Protein backbone atom coordinates (compact mmCIF):
# COMPACT_ATOMS: atom_id res chain seq x y z
CA UNK A 1 5.60 8.16 -2.03
CA UNK A 2 6.02 4.41 -2.50
CA UNK A 3 7.68 4.12 0.90
CA UNK A 4 4.81 6.05 2.47
CA UNK A 5 2.23 3.73 0.90
CA UNK A 6 4.18 0.70 2.10
CA UNK A 7 4.31 2.08 5.65
CA UNK A 8 0.57 2.81 5.64
CA UNK A 9 -0.16 -0.70 4.39
CA UNK A 10 2.16 -2.22 7.01
CA UNK A 11 0.19 -0.31 9.66
CA UNK A 12 -2.89 -2.20 8.50
CA UNK A 13 -4.66 0.50 6.50
CA UNK A 14 -6.96 -0.69 3.73
CA UNK A 15 -6.40 0.30 0.12
CA UNK A 16 -9.30 2.73 0.39
CA UNK A 17 -7.91 4.29 3.58
CA UNK A 18 -4.49 4.73 1.95
CA UNK A 19 -6.08 6.45 -1.05
CA UNK A 20 -7.95 8.79 1.32
CA UNK A 21 -4.69 9.70 3.11
CA UNK A 22 -2.97 10.42 -0.19
CA UNK A 23 -5.92 12.50 -1.43
CA UNK A 24 -6.10 14.45 1.84
CA UNK A 25 -2.41 15.30 1.47
CA UNK A 26 -2.79 16.21 -2.23
CA UNK A 27 -0.28 13.58 -3.37
CA UNK A 28 -0.55 13.11 -7.15
CA UNK A 29 -0.79 9.61 -8.61
CA UNK A 30 2.20 8.28 -10.59
CA UNK A 31 0.28 9.31 -13.72
CA UNK A 32 -0.03 12.86 -12.37
CA UNK A 33 -3.72 12.71 -11.54
CA UNK A 34 -5.04 14.47 -8.48
CA UNK A 35 -7.28 11.70 -7.09
CA UNK A 36 -6.23 8.27 -5.80
CA UNK A 37 -8.59 5.30 -5.80
CA UNK A 38 -8.10 1.94 -4.12
CA UNK A 39 -7.33 0.55 -7.59
CA UNK A 40 -4.44 3.00 -8.01
CA UNK A 41 -3.01 1.93 -4.65
CA UNK A 42 -3.47 -1.76 -5.48
CA UNK A 43 -1.70 -1.37 -8.84
CA UNK A 44 1.15 0.51 -7.19
CA UNK A 45 1.60 -2.19 -4.55
CA UNK A 46 1.69 -4.92 -7.21
CA UNK A 47 4.34 -3.42 -9.48
CA UNK A 48 7.53 -5.44 -9.81
CA UNK A 49 9.60 -2.64 -8.25
CA UNK A 50 7.44 -2.47 -5.12
CA UNK A 51 7.21 -6.26 -4.77
CA UNK A 52 11.02 -6.37 -4.78
CA UNK A 53 11.07 -3.70 -2.06
CA UNK A 54 8.75 -5.69 0.23
CA UNK A 55 10.29 -9.11 -0.41
CA UNK A 56 12.70 -8.74 2.53
CA UNK A 57 9.93 -7.71 4.94
CA UNK A 58 9.00 -10.33 7.54
CA UNK A 59 5.67 -12.06 7.35
CA UNK A 60 2.94 -11.36 9.87
CA UNK A 61 0.18 -13.68 10.89
CA UNK A 62 -3.37 -12.66 11.64
CA UNK A 63 -4.33 -13.55 15.21
CA UNK A 64 -7.69 -14.91 14.12
CA UNK A 65 -6.34 -17.21 11.40
CA UNK A 66 -3.33 -19.32 10.67
CA UNK A 67 -2.87 -17.52 7.36
CA UNK A 68 0.22 -15.40 7.02
CA UNK A 69 0.55 -12.40 4.74
CA UNK A 70 3.40 -10.19 3.66
CA UNK A 71 3.63 -7.10 5.85
């Protein structure tokens, strides 16, 4: 499930859009709840374990700005 969330985020989906995908597919939250919110997704993405998983990912830059973000 973590890998799926990371892939959805890397594709550019918002936290809300990711939660909608997970809810549509009846994926339970890590706490076992049936409904995801954007806050659940945000917390998942900011856990130490997930941050270590994405550390090796290359950075991507937004075309409209010079700011770079982790993929």
